[in-house]
Amino acid sequence: ANRLKQTDVQWSACGASTLISVNTSVVVQTNEKNELVTSSIDSSDIQSGSGAAIKFGLMYRTCK
């Protein structure tokens, strides 16, 4: 699993709106014949109660 380091954190200004960037990656492996492989994701539709999930961790602090 990827872990965010404290030194990688950039705090937004208190009361300001900000965008959250999410980086994703996919690993694709071929078979013993080294045949070509293609992988793509167009979208992800997840409904509540479906058992599927996207999990995010969020660090926050109180504005002073």
PDB file of N, CA and C in Angstrom:
ATOM      1  N   ALA A   1       0.836  -1.189   0.000  1.00  0.00           N
ATOM      2  CA  ALA A   1       0.000   0.000   0.000  1.00  0.00           C
ATOM      3  C   ALA A   1       0.877   1.246   0.000  1.00  0.00           C
ATOM      4  N   ASN A   2       0.410   2.275  -0.668  1.00  0.00           N
ATOM      5  CA  ASN A   2       1.123   3.545  -0.666  1.00  0.00           C
ATOM      6  C   ASN A   2       0.827   4.287   0.620  1.00  0.00           C
ATOM      7  N   ARG A   3       1.828   4.946   1.135  1.00  0.00           N
ATOM      8  CA  ARG A   3       1.666   5.722   2.367  1.00  0.00           C
ATOM      9  C   ARG A   3       2.156   7.138   2.135  1.00  0.00           C
ATOM     10  N   LEU A   4       1.394   8.102   2.579  1.00  0.00           N
ATOM     11  CA  LEU A   4       1.756   9.507   2.465  1.00  0.00           C
ATOM     12  C   LEU A   4       2.701   9.865   3.599  1.00  0.00           C
ATOM     13  N   LYS A   5       3.803  10.515   3.269  1.00  0.00           N
ATOM     14  CA  LYS A   5       4.764  10.941   4.281  1.00  0.00           C
ATOM     15  C   LYS A   5       4.414  12.366   4.733  1.00  0.00           C
ATOM     16  N   GLN A   6       4.708  12.670   5.968  1.00  0.00           N
ATOM     17  CA  GLN A   6       4.437  14.001   6.504  1.00  0.00           C
ATOM     18  C   GLN A   6       5.115  15.076   5.657  1.00  0.00           C
ATOM     19  N   THR A   7       6.286  14.791   5.107  1.00  0.00           N
ATOM     20  CA  THR A   7       7.008  15.778   4.298  1.00  0.00           C
ATOM     21  C   THR A   7       6.348  16.016   2.942  1.00  0.00           C
ATOM     22  N   ASP A   8       5.422  15.147   2.539  1.00  0.00           N
ATOM     23  CA  ASP A   8       4.718  15.295   1.262  1.00  0.00           C
ATOM     24  C   ASP A   8       3.447  16.138   1.383  1.00  0.00           C
ATOM     25  N   VAL A   9       3.063  16.496   2.595  1.00  0.00           N
ATOM     26  CA  VAL A   9       1.798  17.201   2.836  1.00  0.00           C
ATOM     27  C   VAL A   9       1.947  18.682   2.511  1.00  0.00           C
ATOM     28  N   GLN A  10       0.985  19.217   1.763  1.00  0.00           N
ATOM     29  CA  GLN A  10       0.897  20.648   1.503  1.00  0.00           C
ATOM     30  C   GLN A  10      -0.478  21.096   1.977  1.00  0.00           C
ATOM     31  N   TRP A  11      -0.508  21.913   3.019  1.00  0.00           N
ATOM     32  CA  TRP A  11      -1.768  22.350   3.604  1.00  0.00           C
ATOM     33  C   TRP A  11      -2.375  23.484   2.798  1.00  0.00           C
ATOM     34  N   SER A  12      -3.683  23.471   2.633  1.00  0.00           N
ATOM     35  CA  SER A  12      -4.378  24.598   2.009  1.00  0.00           C
ATOM     36  C   SER A  12      -4.602  25.680   3.062  1.00  0.00           C
ATOM     37  N   ALA A  13      -4.852  26.894   2.621  1.00  0.00           N
ATOM     38  CA  ALA A  13      -5.103  28.000   3.543  1.00  0.00           C
ATOM     39  C   ALA A  13      -6.425  27.767   4.278  1.00  0.00           C
ATOM     40  N   CYS A  14      -6.496  28.191   5.526  1.00  0.00           N
ATOM     41  CA  CYS A  14      -7.728  28.034   6.312  1.00  0.00           C
ATOM     42  C   CYS A  14      -8.896  28.749   5.630  1.00  0.00           C
ATOM     43  N   GLY A  15     -10.003  28.048   5.461  1.00  0.00           N
ATOM     44  CA  GLY A  15     -11.197  28.618   4.854  1.00  0.00           C
ATOM     45  C   GLY A  15     -11.185  28.634   3.341  1.00  0.00           C
ATOM     46  N   ALA A  16     -10.085  28.220   2.721  1.00  0.00           N
ATOM     47  CA  ALA A  16      -9.977  28.244   1.259  1.00  0.00           C
ATOM     48  C   ALA A  16     -10.431  26.918   0.660  1.00  0.00           C
ATOM     49  N   SER A  17     -10.952  26.988  -0.548  1.00  0.00           N
ATOM     50  CA  SER A  17     -11.277  25.782  -1.299  1.00  0.00           C
ATOM     51  C   SER A  17     -10.005  25.246  -1.935  1.00  0.00           C
ATOM     52  N   THR A  18      -9.960  23.959  -2.139  1.00  0.00           N
ATOM     53  CA  THR A  18      -8.786  23.366  -2.780  1.00  0.00           C
ATOM     54  C   THR A  18      -9.201  22.131  -3.564  1.00  0.00           C
ATOM     55  N   LEU A  19      -8.384  21.734  -4.504  1.00  0.00           N
ATOM     56  CA  LEU A  19      -8.603  20.507  -5.252  1.00  0.00           C
ATOM     57  C   LEU A  19      -7.791  19.390  -4.619  1.00  0.00           C
ATOM     58  N   ILE A  20      -8.315  18.203  -4.632  1.00  0.00           N
ATOM     59  CA  ILE A  20      -7.599  17.040  -4.135  1.00  0.00           C
ATOM     60  C   ILE A  20      -7.233  16.183  -5.340  1.00  0.00           C
ATOM     61  N   SER A  21      -5.945  15.946  -5.530  1.00  0.00           N
ATOM     62  CA  SER A  21      -5.474  15.098  -6.621  1.00  0.00           C
ATOM     63  C   SER A  21      -5.316  13.668  -6.122  1.00  0.00           C
ATOM     64  N   VAL A  22      -5.762  12.740  -6.928  1.00  0.00           N
ATOM     65  CA  VAL A  22      -5.640  11.327  -6.598  1.00  0.00           C
ATOM     66  C   VAL A  22      -4.894  10.647  -7.734  1.00  0.00           C
ATOM     67  N   ASN A  23      -3.773  10.027  -7.428  1.00  0.00           N
ATOM     68  CA  ASN A  23      -3.007   9.280  -8.422  1.00  0.00           C
ATOM     69  C   ASN A  23      -3.340   7.806  -8.299  1.00  0.00           C
ATOM     70  N   THR A  24      -3.614   7.172  -9.418  1.00  0.00           N
ATOM     71  CA  THR A  24      -3.908   5.741  -9.427  1.00  0.00           C
ATOM     72  C   THR A  24      -2.937   5.029 -10.345  1.00  0.00           C
ATOM     73  N   SER A  25      -2.805   3.745 -10.150  1.00  0.00           N
ATOM     74  CA  SER A  25      -1.942   2.966 -11.034  1.00  0.00           C
ATOM     75  C   SER A  25      -2.511   1.562 -11.188  1.00  0.00           C
ATOM     76  N   VAL A  26      -2.176   0.935 -12.296  1.00  0.00           N
ATOM     77  CA  VAL A  26      -2.602  -0.426 -12.595  1.00  0.00           C
ATOM     78  C   VAL A  26      -1.381  -1.196 -13.048  1.00  0.00           C
ATOM     79  N   VAL A  27      -1.213  -2.401 -12.552  1.00  0.00           N
ATOM     80  CA  VAL A  27      -0.120  -3.270 -12.981  1.00  0.00           C
ATOM     81  C   VAL A  27      -0.723  -4.409 -13.784  1.00  0.00           C
ATOM     82  N   VAL A  28      -0.189  -4.622 -14.979  1.00  0.00           N
ATOM     83  CA  VAL A  28      -0.671  -5.679 -15.850  1.00  0.00           C
ATOM     84  C   VAL A  28       0.504  -6.606 -16.171  1.00  0.00           C
ATOM     85  N   GLN A  29       0.295  -7.899 -16.006  1.00  0.00           N
ATOM     86  CA  GLN A  29       1.350  -8.865 -16.303  1.00  0.00           C
ATOM     87  C   GLN A  29       0.872  -9.806 -17.408  1.00  0.00           C
ATOM     88  N   THR A  30       1.783 -10.163 -18.280  1.00  0.00           N
ATOM     89  CA  THR A  30       1.460 -11.074 -19.371  1.00  0.00           C
ATOM     90  C   THR A  30       1.671 -12.529 -18.925  1.00  0.00           C
ATOM     91  N   ASN A  31       1.457 -13.453 -19.820  1.00  0.00           N
ATOM     92  CA  ASN A  31       1.636 -14.867 -19.491  1.00  0.00           C
ATOM     93  C   ASN A  31       3.042 -15.351 -19.867  1.00  0.00           C
ATOM     94  N   GLU A  32       3.272 -16.642 -19.747  1.00  0.00           N
ATOM     95  CA  GLU A  32       4.607 -17.195 -20.029  1.00  0.00           C
ATOM     96  C   GLU A  32       4.996 -17.082 -21.505  1.00  0.00           C
ATOM     97  N   LYS A  33       4.039 -16.814 -22.395  1.00  0.00           N
ATOM     98  CA  LYS A  33       4.336 -16.639 -23.822  1.00  0.00           C
ATOM     99  C   LYS A  33       4.627 -15.179 -24.162  1.00  0.00           C
ATOM    100  N   ASN A  34       4.633 -14.306 -23.167  1.00  0.00           N
ATOM    101  CA  ASN A  34       4.860 -12.873 -23.358  1.00  0.00           C
ATOM    102  C   ASN A  34       3.895 -12.247 -24.363  1.00  0.00           C
ATOM    103  N   GLU A  35       2.651 -12.672 -24.325  1.00  0.00           N
ATOM    104  CA  GLU A  35       1.643 -12.110 -25.214  1.00  0.00           C
ATOM    105  C   GLU A  35       1.304 -10.686 -24.773  1.00  0.00           C
ATOM    106  N   LEU A  36       0.852  -9.852 -25.720  1.00  0.00           N
ATOM    107  CA  LEU A  36       0.520  -8.473 -25.434  1.00  0.00           C
ATOM    108  C   LEU A  36      -0.665  -8.379 -24.481  1.00  0.00           C
ATOM    109  N   VAL A  37      -0.655  -7.343 -23.659  1.00  0.00           N
ATOM    110  CA  VAL A  37      -1.707  -7.127 -22.681  1.00  0.00           C
ATOM    111  C   VAL A  37      -2.186  -5.685 -22.794  1.00  0.00           C
ATOM    112  N   THR A  38      -3.486  -5.475 -22.671  1.00  0.00           N
ATOM    113  CA  THR A  38      -4.057  -4.125 -22.663  1.00  0.00           C
ATOM    114  C   THR A  38      -4.956  -3.991 -21.450  1.00  0.00           C
ATOM    115  N   SER A  39      -4.871  -2.845 -20.811  1.00  0.00           N
ATOM    116  CA  SER A  39      -5.733  -2.563 -19.668  1.00  0.00           C
ATOM    117  C   SER A  39      -6.175  -1.114 -19.753  1.00  0.00           C
ATOM    118  N   SER A  40      -7.442  -0.862 -19.466  1.00  0.00           N
ATOM    119  CA  SER A  40      -7.930   0.516 -19.445  1.00  0.00           C
ATOM    120  C   SER A  40      -9.102   0.630 -18.478  1.00  0.00           C
ATOM    121  N   ILE A  41      -9.253   1.832 -17.934  1.00  0.00           N
ATOM    122  CA  ILE A  41     -10.388   2.131 -17.056  1.00  0.00           C
ATOM    123  C   ILE A  41     -11.029   3.399 -17.582  1.00  0.00           C
ATOM    124  N   ASP A  42     -12.284   3.320 -17.928  1.00  0.00           N
ATOM    125  CA  ASP A  42     -13.011   4.483 -18.422  1.00  0.00           C
ATOM    126  C   ASP A  42     -13.673   5.222 -17.267  1.00  0.00           C
ATOM    127  N   SER A  43     -14.288   4.476 -16.386  1.00  0.00           N
ATOM    128  CA  SER A  43     -14.930   5.073 -15.222  1.00  0.00           C
ATOM    129  C   SER A  43     -15.140   3.994 -14.177  1.00  0.00           C
ATOM    130  N   SER A  44     -15.486   4.408 -12.994  1.00  0.00           N
ATOM    131  CA  SER A  44     -15.756   3.484 -11.901  1.00  0.00           C
ATOM    132  C   SER A  44     -17.084   3.872 -11.275  1.00  0.00           C
ATOM    133  N   ASP A  45     -18.064   3.012 -11.410  1.00  0.00           N
ATOM    134  CA  ASP A  45     -19.388   3.259 -10.839  1.00  0.00           C
ATOM    135  C   ASP A  45     -19.574   2.342  -9.637  1.00  0.00           C
ATOM    136  N   ILE A  46     -19.598   2.933  -8.458  1.00  0.00           N
ATOM    137  CA  ILE A  46     -19.736   2.146  -7.234  1.00  0.00           C
ATOM    138  C   ILE A  46     -20.979   2.616  -6.502  1.00  0.00           C
ATOM    139  N   GLN A  47     -21.855   1.669  -6.192  1.00  0.00           N
ATOM    140  CA  GLN A  47     -23.091   1.993  -5.501  1.00  0.00           C
ATOM    141  C   GLN A  47     -22.997   1.560  -4.042  1.00  0.00           C
ATOM    142  N   SER A  48     -23.631   2.313  -3.170  1.00  0.00           N
ATOM    143  CA  SER A  48     -23.666   1.982  -1.760  1.00  0.00           C
ATOM    144  C   SER A  48     -24.253   0.586  -1.558  1.00  0.00           C
ATOM    145  N   GLY A  49     -23.597  -0.216  -0.746  1.00  0.00           N
ATOM    146  CA  GLY A  49     -24.086  -1.563  -0.464  1.00  0.00           C
ATOM    147  C   GLY A  49     -23.652  -2.608  -1.473  1.00  0.00           C
ATOM    148  N   SER A  50     -22.880  -2.216  -2.497  1.00  0.00           N
ATOM    149  CA  SER A  50     -22.474  -3.171  -3.527  1.00  0.00           C
ATOM    150  C   SER A  50     -21.301  -4.046  -3.090  1.00  0.00           C
ATOM    151  N   GLY A  51     -20.625  -3.664  -2.012  1.00  0.00           N
ATOM    152  CA  GLY A  51     -19.448  -4.405  -1.568  1.00  0.00           C
ATOM    153  C   GLY A  51     -18.159  -3.862  -2.157  1.00  0.00           C
ATOM    154  N   ALA A  52     -18.251  -3.053  -3.216  1.00  0.00           N
ATOM    155  CA  ALA A  52     -17.072  -2.430  -3.819  1.00  0.00           C
ATOM    156  C   ALA A  52     -16.798  -1.122  -3.088  1.00  0.00           C
ATOM    157  N   ALA A  53     -15.544  -0.712  -3.073  1.00  0.00           N
ATOM    158  CA  ALA A  53     -15.215   0.524  -2.360  1.00  0.00           C
ATOM    159  C   ALA A  53     -13.958   1.160  -2.911  1.00  0.00           C
ATOM    160  N   ILE A  54     -13.892   2.458  -2.791  1.00  0.00           N
ATOM    161  CA  ILE A  54     -12.666   3.209  -3.015  1.00  0.00           C
ATOM    162  C   ILE A  54     -12.341   3.836  -1.671  1.00  0.00           C
ATOM    163  N   LYS A  55     -11.154   3.563  -1.156  1.00  0.00           N
ATOM    164  CA  LYS A  55     -10.794   4.009   0.181  1.00  0.00           C
ATOM    165  C   LYS A  55      -9.765   5.129   0.103  1.00  0.00           C
ATOM    166  N   PHE A  56     -10.032   6.217   0.788  1.00  0.00           N
ATOM    167  CA  PHE A  56      -9.130   7.362   0.848  1.00  0.00           C
ATOM    168  C   PHE A  56      -8.759   7.639   2.296  1.00  0.00           C
ATOM    169  N   GLY A  57      -7.542   8.080   2.503  1.00  0.00           N
ATOM    170  CA  GLY A  57      -7.119   8.575   3.807  1.00  0.00           C
ATOM    171  C   GLY A  57      -7.029  10.087   3.704  1.00  0.00           C
ATOM    172  N   LEU A  58      -7.423  10.786   4.740  1.00  0.00           N
ATOM    173  CA  LEU A  58      -7.421  12.245   4.707  1.00  0.00           C
ATOM    174  C   LEU A  58      -6.802  12.763   5.995  1.00  0.00           C
ATOM    175  N   MET A  59      -5.803  13.624   5.843  1.00  0.00           N
ATOM    176  CA  MET A  59      -5.203  14.277   7.003  1.00  0.00           C
ATOM    177  C   MET A  59      -5.793  15.672   7.102  1.00  0.00           C
ATOM    178  N   TYR A  60      -6.113  16.112   8.320  1.00  0.00           N
ATOM    179  CA  TYR A  60      -6.649  17.459   8.481  1.00  0.00           C
ATOM    180  C   TYR A  60      -6.117  18.052   9.772  1.00  0.00           C
ATOM    181  N   ARG A  61      -6.254  19.359   9.885  1.00  0.00           N
ATOM    182  CA  ARG A  61      -5.859  20.053  11.101  1.00  0.00           C
ATOM    183  C   ARG A  61      -6.842  21.188  11.346  1.00  0.00           C
ATOM    184  N   THR A  62      -6.914  21.640  12.565  1.00  0.00           N
ATOM    185  CA  THR A  62      -7.805  22.729  12.936  1.00  0.00           C
ATOM    186  C   THR A  62      -7.203  24.058  12.504  1.00  0.00           C
ATOM    187  N   CYS A  63      -8.012  24.936  11.907  1.00  0.00           N
ATOM    188  CA  CYS A  63      -7.542  26.275  11.531  1.00  0.00           C
ATOM    189  C   CYS A  63      -7.369  27.121  12.775  1.00  0.00           C
ATOM    190  N   LYS A  64      -6.370  27.977  12.739  1.00  0.00           N
ATOM    191  CA  LYS A  64      -6.081  28.852  13.891  1.00  0.00           C
ATOM    192  C   LYS A  64      -6.454  30.270  13.585  1.00  0.00           C
TER     193      LYS A  64
END
